[in-house]
PDB file of N, CA and C in Angstrom:
ATOM      1  N   MET A   1      -6.665  18.225  17.046  1.00  0.00           N
ATOM      2  CA  MET A   1      -7.533  17.635  16.044  1.00  0.00           C
ATOM      3  C   MET A   1      -6.964  17.787  14.632  1.00  0.00           C
ATOM      4  N   ALA A   2      -6.471  18.970  14.292  1.00  0.00           N
ATOM      5  CA  ALA A   2      -5.964  19.226  12.954  1.00  0.00           C
ATOM      6  C   ALA A   2      -4.816  18.276  12.614  1.00  0.00           C
ATOM      7  N   MET A   3      -4.010  17.934  13.603  1.00  0.00           N
ATOM      8  CA  MET A   3      -2.885  17.043  13.378  1.00  0.00           C
ATOM      9  C   MET A   3      -3.372  15.658  12.951  1.00  0.00           C
ATOM     10  N   VAL A   4      -4.404  15.163  13.612  1.00  0.00           N
ATOM     11  CA  VAL A   4      -4.949  13.845  13.270  1.00  0.00           C
ATOM     12  C   VAL A   4      -5.530  13.871  11.866  1.00  0.00           C
ATOM     13  N   GLU A   5      -6.287  14.902  11.547  1.00  0.00           N
ATOM     14  CA  GLU A   5      -6.881  15.010  10.217  1.00  0.00           C
ATOM     15  C   GLU A   5      -5.788  15.059   9.148  1.00  0.00           C
ATOM     16  N   GLY A   6      -4.730  15.789   9.403  1.00  0.00           N
ATOM     17  CA  GLY A   6      -3.625  15.883   8.457  1.00  0.00           C
ATOM     18  C   GLY A   6      -2.946  14.546   8.252  1.00  0.00           C
ATOM     19  N   SER A   7      -2.730  13.792   9.324  1.00  0.00           N
ATOM     20  CA  SER A   7      -2.065  12.498   9.181  1.00  0.00           C
ATOM     21  C   SER A   7      -2.988  11.492   8.499  1.00  0.00           C
ATOM     22  N   GLU A   8      -4.288  11.589   8.732  1.00  0.00           N
ATOM     23  CA  GLU A   8      -5.228  10.703   8.041  1.00  0.00           C
ATOM     24  C   GLU A   8      -5.215  10.992   6.549  1.00  0.00           C
ATOM     25  N   LYS A   9      -5.152  12.270   6.203  1.00  0.00           N
ATOM     26  CA  LYS A   9      -5.139  12.664   4.794  1.00  0.00           C
ATOM     27  C   LYS A   9      -3.858  12.166   4.118  1.00  0.00           C
ATOM     28  N   SER A  10      -2.718  12.338   4.766  1.00  0.00           N
ATOM     29  CA  SER A  10      -1.469  11.878   4.165  1.00  0.00           C
ATOM     30  C   SER A  10      -1.442  10.349   4.100  1.00  0.00           C
ATOM     31  N   SER A  11      -2.050   9.704   5.083  1.00  0.00           N
ATOM     32  CA  SER A  11      -2.133   8.252   5.086  1.00  0.00           C
ATOM     33  C   SER A  11      -2.971   7.771   3.903  1.00  0.00           C
ATOM     34  N   GLU A  12      -4.064   8.468   3.643  1.00  0.00           N
ATOM     35  CA  GLU A  12      -4.933   8.129   2.516  1.00  0.00           C
ATOM     36  C   GLU A  12      -4.195   8.343   1.192  1.00  0.00           C
ATOM     37  N   GLU A  13      -3.441   9.445   1.110  1.00  0.00           N
ATOM     38  CA  GLU A  13      -2.664   9.719  -0.103  1.00  0.00           C
ATOM     39  C   GLU A  13      -1.606   8.638  -0.313  1.00  0.00           C
ATOM     40  N   SER A  14      -0.955   8.218   0.766  1.00  0.00           N
ATOM     41  CA  SER A  14       0.047   7.156   0.666  1.00  0.00           C
ATOM     42  C   SER A  14      -0.596   5.864   0.183  1.00  0.00           C
ATOM     43  N   SER A  15      -1.771   5.564   0.708  1.00  0.00           N
ATOM     44  CA  SER A  15      -2.484   4.354   0.289  1.00  0.00           C
ATOM     45  C   SER A  15      -2.773   4.392  -1.200  1.00  0.00           C
ATOM     46  N   GLU A  16      -3.228   5.531  -1.687  1.00  0.00           N
ATOM     47  CA  GLU A  16      -3.551   5.653  -3.114  1.00  0.00           C
ATOM     48  C   GLU A  16      -2.289   5.518  -3.967  1.00  0.00           C
ATOM     49  N   LYS A  17      -1.178   6.068  -3.487  1.00  0.00           N
ATOM     50  CA  LYS A  17       0.090   5.952  -4.226  1.00  0.00           C
ATOM     51  C   LYS A  17       0.541   4.488  -4.271  1.00  0.00           C
ATOM     52  N   ILE A  18       0.399   3.798  -3.139  1.00  0.00           N
ATOM     53  CA  ILE A  18       0.763   2.374  -3.080  1.00  0.00           C
ATOM     54  C   ILE A  18      -0.090   1.587  -4.066  1.00  0.00           C
ATOM     55  N   LEU A  19      -1.396   1.831  -4.058  1.00  0.00           N
ATOM     56  CA  LEU A  19      -2.294   1.121  -4.980  1.00  0.00           C
ATOM     57  C   LEU A  19      -1.922   1.412  -6.437  1.00  0.00           C
ATOM     58  N   ALA A  20      -1.611   2.656  -6.744  1.00  0.00           N
ATOM     59  CA  ALA A  20      -1.247   3.021  -8.116  1.00  0.00           C
ATOM     60  C   ALA A  20       0.039   2.300  -8.547  1.00  0.00           C
ATOM     61  N   LEU A  21       1.028   2.263  -7.665  1.00  0.00           N
ATOM     62  CA  LEU A  21       2.282   1.578  -7.987  1.00  0.00           C
ATOM     63  C   LEU A  21       2.050   0.079  -8.186  1.00  0.00           C
ATOM     64  N   LEU A  22       1.206  -0.510  -7.315  1.00  0.00           N
ATOM     65  CA  LEU A  22       0.968  -1.946  -7.413  1.00  0.00           C
ATOM     66  C   LEU A  22       0.093  -2.309  -8.617  1.00  0.00           C
ATOM     67  N   ARG A  23      -0.744  -1.389  -9.058  1.00  0.00           N
ATOM     68  CA  ARG A  23      -1.508  -1.640 -10.294  1.00  0.00           C
ATOM     69  C   ARG A  23      -0.529  -1.750 -11.469  1.00  0.00           C
ATOM     70  N   ALA A  24       0.461  -0.863 -11.478  1.00  0.00           N
ATOM     71  CA  ALA A  24       1.447  -0.836 -12.565  1.00  0.00           C
ATOM     72  C   ALA A  24       2.446  -1.992 -12.460  1.00  0.00           C
ATOM     73  N   GLU A  25       2.852  -2.306 -11.225  1.00  0.00           N
ATOM     74  CA  GLU A  25       3.861  -3.353 -11.002  1.00  0.00           C
ATOM     75  C   GLU A  25       3.457  -4.211  -9.809  1.00  0.00           C
ATOM     76  N   PRO A  26       2.606  -5.213 -10.029  1.00  0.00           N
ATOM     77  CA  PRO A  26       2.069  -6.025  -8.930  1.00  0.00           C
ATOM     78  C   PRO A  26       3.111  -6.808  -8.131  1.00  0.00           C
ATOM     79  N   ARG A  27       4.298  -6.974  -8.657  1.00  0.00           N
ATOM     80  CA  ARG A  27       5.305  -7.779  -7.957  1.00  0.00           C
ATOM     81  C   ARG A  27       6.255  -6.955  -7.084  1.00  0.00           C
ATOM     82  N   LEU A  28       5.977  -5.674  -6.915  1.00  0.00           N
ATOM     83  CA  LEU A  28       6.835  -4.830  -6.070  1.00  0.00           C
ATOM     84  C   LEU A  28       6.803  -5.298  -4.616  1.00  0.00           C
ATOM     85  N   SER A  29       7.949  -5.234  -3.972  1.00  0.00           N
ATOM     86  CA  SER A  29       8.037  -5.574  -2.544  1.00  0.00           C
ATOM     87  C   SER A  29       7.761  -4.340  -1.700  1.00  0.00           C
ATOM     88  N   ALA A  30       7.514  -4.569  -0.422  1.00  0.00           N
ATOM     89  CA  ALA A  30       7.302  -3.447   0.502  1.00  0.00           C
ATOM     90  C   ALA A  30       8.533  -2.544   0.511  1.00  0.00           C
ATOM     91  N   ARG A  31       9.710  -3.146   0.457  1.00  0.00           N
ATOM     92  CA  ARG A  31      10.953  -2.365   0.460  1.00  0.00           C
ATOM     93  C   ARG A  31      11.039  -1.476  -0.776  1.00  0.00           C
ATOM     94  N   ALA A  32      10.697  -2.045  -1.948  1.00  0.00           N
ATOM     95  CA  ALA A  32      10.740  -1.274  -3.196  1.00  0.00           C
ATOM     96  C   ALA A  32       9.707  -0.144  -3.164  1.00  0.00           C
ATOM     97  N   LEU A  33       8.536  -0.426  -2.631  1.00  0.00           N
ATOM     98  CA  LEU A  33       7.510   0.615  -2.498  1.00  0.00           C
ATOM     99  C   LEU A  33       8.013   1.734  -1.598  1.00  0.00           C
ATOM    100  N   ALA A  34       8.619   1.360  -0.476  1.00  0.00           N
ATOM    101  CA  ALA A  34       9.124   2.344   0.476  1.00  0.00           C
ATOM    102  C   ALA A  34      10.167   3.251  -0.175  1.00  0.00           C
ATOM    103  N   GLU A  35      11.069   2.650  -0.949  1.00  0.00           N
ATOM    104  CA  GLU A  35      12.110   3.439  -1.624  1.00  0.00           C
ATOM    105  C   GLU A  35      11.489   4.433  -2.610  1.00  0.00           C
ATOM    106  N   ARG A  36      10.499   3.989  -3.365  1.00  0.00           N
ATOM    107  CA  ARG A  36       9.867   4.865  -4.352  1.00  0.00           C
ATOM    108  C   ARG A  36       9.076   5.997  -3.702  1.00  0.00           C
ATOM    109  N   LEU A  37       8.475   5.698  -2.542  1.00  0.00           N
ATOM    110  CA  LEU A  37       7.646   6.697  -1.875  1.00  0.00           C
ATOM    111  C   LEU A  37       8.429   7.566  -0.895  1.00  0.00           C
ATOM    112  N   GLY A  38       9.649   7.154  -0.594  1.00  0.00           N
ATOM    113  CA  GLY A  38      10.468   7.919   0.348  1.00  0.00           C
ATOM    114  C   GLY A  38       9.999   7.783   1.788  1.00  0.00           C
ATOM    115  N   VAL A  39       9.463   6.604   2.128  1.00  0.00           N
ATOM    116  CA  VAL A  39       9.030   6.329   3.502  1.00  0.00           C
ATOM    117  C   VAL A  39       9.692   5.036   3.961  1.00  0.00           C
ATOM    118  N   THR A  40       9.460   4.654   5.209  1.00  0.00           N
ATOM    119  CA  THR A  40      10.066   3.431   5.730  1.00  0.00           C
ATOM    120  C   THR A  40       9.286   2.197   5.277  1.00  0.00           C
ATOM    121  N   SER A  41       9.955   1.058   5.274  1.00  0.00           N
ATOM    122  CA  SER A  41       9.284  -0.201   4.947  1.00  0.00           C
ATOM    123  C   SER A  41       8.144  -0.454   5.923  1.00  0.00           C
ATOM    124  N   ARG A  42       8.375  -0.106   7.180  1.00  0.00           N
ATOM    125  CA  ARG A  42       7.347  -0.301   8.203  1.00  0.00           C
ATOM    126  C   ARG A  42       6.088   0.510   7.884  1.00  0.00           C
ATOM    127  N   ALA A  43       6.266   1.737   7.419  1.00  0.00           N
ATOM    128  CA  ALA A  43       5.112   2.570   7.055  1.00  0.00           C
ATOM    129  C   ALA A  43       4.335   1.928   5.914  1.00  0.00           C
ATOM    130  N   VAL A  44       5.052   1.384   4.936  1.00  0.00           N
ATOM    131  CA  VAL A  44       4.395   0.718   3.810  1.00  0.00           C
ATOM    132  C   VAL A  44       3.657  -0.526   4.294  1.00  0.00           C
ATOM    133  N   GLU A  45       4.283  -1.298   5.166  1.00  0.00           N
ATOM    134  CA  GLU A  45       3.653  -2.508   5.684  1.00  0.00           C
ATOM    135  C   GLU A  45       2.365  -2.191   6.439  1.00  0.00           C
ATOM    136  N   LYS A  46       2.376  -1.092   7.193  1.00  0.00           N
ATOM    137  CA  LYS A  46       1.157  -0.677   7.898  1.00  0.00           C
ATOM    138  C   LYS A  46       0.056  -0.313   6.908  1.00  0.00           C
ATOM    139  N   GLN A  47       0.416   0.408   5.861  1.00  0.00           N
ATOM    140  CA  GLN A  47      -0.558   0.797   4.838  1.00  0.00           C
ATOM    141  C   GLN A  47      -1.098  -0.439   4.123  1.00  0.00           C
ATOM    142  N   ILE A  48      -0.219  -1.372   3.794  1.00  0.00           N
ATOM    143  CA  ILE A  48      -0.643  -2.601   3.129  1.00  0.00           C
ATOM    144  C   ILE A  48      -1.613  -3.366   4.024  1.00  0.00           C
ATOM    145  N   GLY A  49      -1.301  -3.444   5.322  1.00  0.00           N
ATOM    146  CA  GLY A  49      -2.198  -4.116   6.267  1.00  0.00           C
ATOM    147  C   GLY A  49      -3.568  -3.470   6.290  1.00  0.00           C
ATOM    148  N   ARG A  50      -3.585  -2.152   6.295  1.00  0.00           N
ATOM    149  CA  ARG A  50      -4.850  -1.405   6.305  1.00  0.00           C
ATOM    150  C   ARG A  50      -5.633  -1.663   5.014  1.00  0.00           C
ATOM    151  N   LEU A  51      -4.931  -1.642   3.885  1.00  0.00           N
ATOM    152  CA  LEU A  51      -5.578  -1.875   2.592  1.00  0.00           C
ATOM    153  C   LEU A  51      -6.132  -3.299   2.496  1.00  0.00           C
ATOM    154  N   ARG A  52      -5.404  -4.249   3.073  1.00  0.00           N
ATOM    155  CA  ARG A  52      -5.887  -5.635   3.074  1.00  0.00           C
ATOM    156  C   ARG A  52      -7.133  -5.750   3.945  1.00  0.00           C
ATOM    157  N   ASP A  53      -7.116  -5.091   5.093  1.00  0.00           N
ATOM    158  CA  ASP A  53      -8.288  -5.108   5.989  1.00  0.00           C
ATOM    159  C   ASP A  53      -9.515  -4.507   5.313  1.00  0.00           C
ATOM    160  N   GLN A  54      -9.288  -3.504   4.465  1.00  0.00           N
ATOM    161  CA  GLN A  54     -10.386  -2.838   3.751  1.00  0.00           C
ATOM    162  C   GLN A  54     -10.833  -3.638   2.525  1.00  0.00           C
ATOM    163  N   GLY A  55     -10.103  -4.703   2.212  1.00  0.00           N
ATOM    164  CA  GLY A  55     -10.447  -5.514   1.050  1.00  0.00           C
ATOM    165  C   GLY A  55     -10.019  -4.904  -0.275  1.00  0.00           C
ATOM    166  N   ARG A  56      -9.100  -3.955  -0.219  1.00  0.00           N
ATOM    167  CA  ARG A  56      -8.663  -3.278  -1.440  1.00  0.00           C
ATOM    168  C   ARG A  56      -7.405  -3.897  -2.047  1.00  0.00           C
ATOM    169  N   LEU A  57      -6.762  -4.781  -1.282  1.00  0.00           N
ATOM    170  CA  LEU A  57      -5.496  -5.353  -1.724  1.00  0.00           C
ATOM    171  C   LEU A  57      -5.425  -6.802  -1.268  1.00  0.00           C
ATOM    172  N   ARG A  58      -4.980  -7.691  -2.168  1.00  0.00           N
ATOM    173  CA  ARG A  58      -4.833  -9.099  -1.818  1.00  0.00           C
ATOM    174  C   ARG A  58      -3.489  -9.611  -2.301  1.00  0.00           C
ATOM    175  N   ARG A  59      -2.901 -10.483  -1.505  1.00  0.00           N
ATOM    176  CA  ARG A  59      -1.650 -11.130  -1.893  1.00  0.00           C
ATOM    177  C   ARG A  59      -1.998 -12.441  -2.564  1.00  0.00           C
ATOM    178  N   ILE A  60      -1.489 -12.638  -3.771  1.00  0.00           N
ATOM    179  CA  ILE A  60      -1.705 -13.871  -4.512  1.00  0.00           C
ATOM    180  C   ILE A  60      -0.378 -14.614  -4.565  1.00  0.00           C
ATOM    181  N   GLY A  61      -0.379 -15.837  -4.057  1.00  0.00           N
ATOM    182  CA  GLY A  61       0.846 -16.628  -4.071  1.00  0.00           C
ATOM    183  C   GLY A  61       1.695 -16.386  -2.831  1.00  0.00           C
ATOM    184  N   PRO A  62       2.886 -16.964  -2.820  1.00  0.00           N
ATOM    185  CA  PRO A  62       3.770 -16.869  -1.650  1.00  0.00           C
ATOM    186  C   PRO A  62       4.412 -15.488  -1.509  1.00  0.00           C
ATOM    187  N   ALA A  63       5.031 -15.275  -0.349  1.00  0.00           N
ATOM    188  CA  ALA A  63       5.711 -14.000  -0.086  1.00  0.00           C
ATOM    189  C   ALA A  63       6.776 -13.742  -1.151  1.00  0.00           C
ATOM    190  N   LYS A  64       7.533 -14.783  -1.493  1.00  0.00           N
ATOM    191  CA  LYS A  64       8.523 -14.649  -2.570  1.00  0.00           C
ATOM    192  C   LYS A  64       7.932 -15.286  -3.818  1.00  0.00           C
ATOM    193  N   GLY A  65       7.831 -14.506  -4.865  1.00  0.00           N
ATOM    194  CA  GLY A  65       7.308 -15.048  -6.114  1.00  0.00           C
ATOM    195  C   GLY A  65       5.835 -14.758  -6.332  1.00  0.00           C
ATOM    196  N   GLY A  66       5.155 -14.235  -5.314  1.00  0.00           N
ATOM    197  CA  GLY A  66       3.745 -13.885  -5.466  1.00  0.00           C
ATOM    198  C   GLY A  66       3.596 -12.474  -5.991  1.00  0.00           C
ATOM    199  N   TYR A  67       2.358 -11.999  -6.005  1.00  0.00           N
ATOM    200  CA  TYR A  67       2.105 -10.635  -6.470  1.00  0.00           C
ATOM    201  C   TYR A  67       0.887 -10.069  -5.754  1.00  0.00           C
ATOM    202  N   TRP A  68       0.681  -8.788  -5.904  1.00  0.00           N
ATOM    203  CA  TRP A  68      -0.440  -8.084  -5.290  1.00  0.00           C
ATOM    204  C   TRP A  68      -1.552  -7.899  -6.296  1.00  0.00           C
ATOM    205  N   GLN A  69      -2.779  -8.102  -5.836  1.00  0.00           N
ATOM    206  CA  GLN A  69      -3.955  -7.817  -6.662  1.00  0.00           C
ATOM    207  C   GLN A  69      -4.716  -6.661  -6.030  1.00  0.00           C
ATOM    208  N   VAL A  70      -4.885  -5.605  -6.797  1.00  0.00           N
ATOM    209  CA  VAL A  70      -5.621  -4.438  -6.321  1.00  0.00           C
ATOM    210  C   VAL A  70      -7.091  -4.631  -6.662  1.00  0.00           C
ATOM    211  N   ASP A  71      -7.945  -4.576  -5.648  1.00  0.00           N
ATOM    212  CA  ASP A  71      -9.388  -4.716  -5.845  1.00  0.00           C
ATOM    213  C   ASP A  71     -10.016  -3.332  -5.733  1.00  0.00           C
ATOM    214  N   ASP A  72     -10.353  -2.766  -6.885  1.00  0.00           N
ATOM    215  CA  ASP A  72     -10.960  -1.442  -6.903  1.00  0.00           C
ATOM    216  C   ASP A  72     -12.448  -1.541  -6.591  1.00  0.00           C
ATOM    217  N   PHE A  73     -12.931  -0.543  -5.895  1.00  0.00           N
ATOM    218  CA  PHE A  73     -14.354  -0.493  -5.611  1.00  0.00           C
ATOM    219  C   PHE A  73     -15.070  -0.044  -6.871  1.00  0.00           C
ATOM    220  N   PRO A  74     -16.281  -0.553  -7.093  1.00  0.00           N
ATOM    221  CA  PRO A  74     -17.026  -0.136  -8.295  1.00  0.00           C
ATOM    222  C   PRO A  74     -17.385   1.323  -8.270  1.00  0.00           C
TER     223      PRO A  74
END
């Protein structure tokens, strides 16, 4: 059980770091986020998918040339 709780906590921390980076630089790619966070691109993509499912992150425009919009909860 402790292992799951620990990974959920680190996952939540990663999500918050991703959101903070994208607030500052909305045009960052998953690869650039991964490099800054020291994780794999795949890990970032999973977090982005989760954040999109939660309605906290939206992609505006195309994959190339678009940007991320962070939707903060009130």
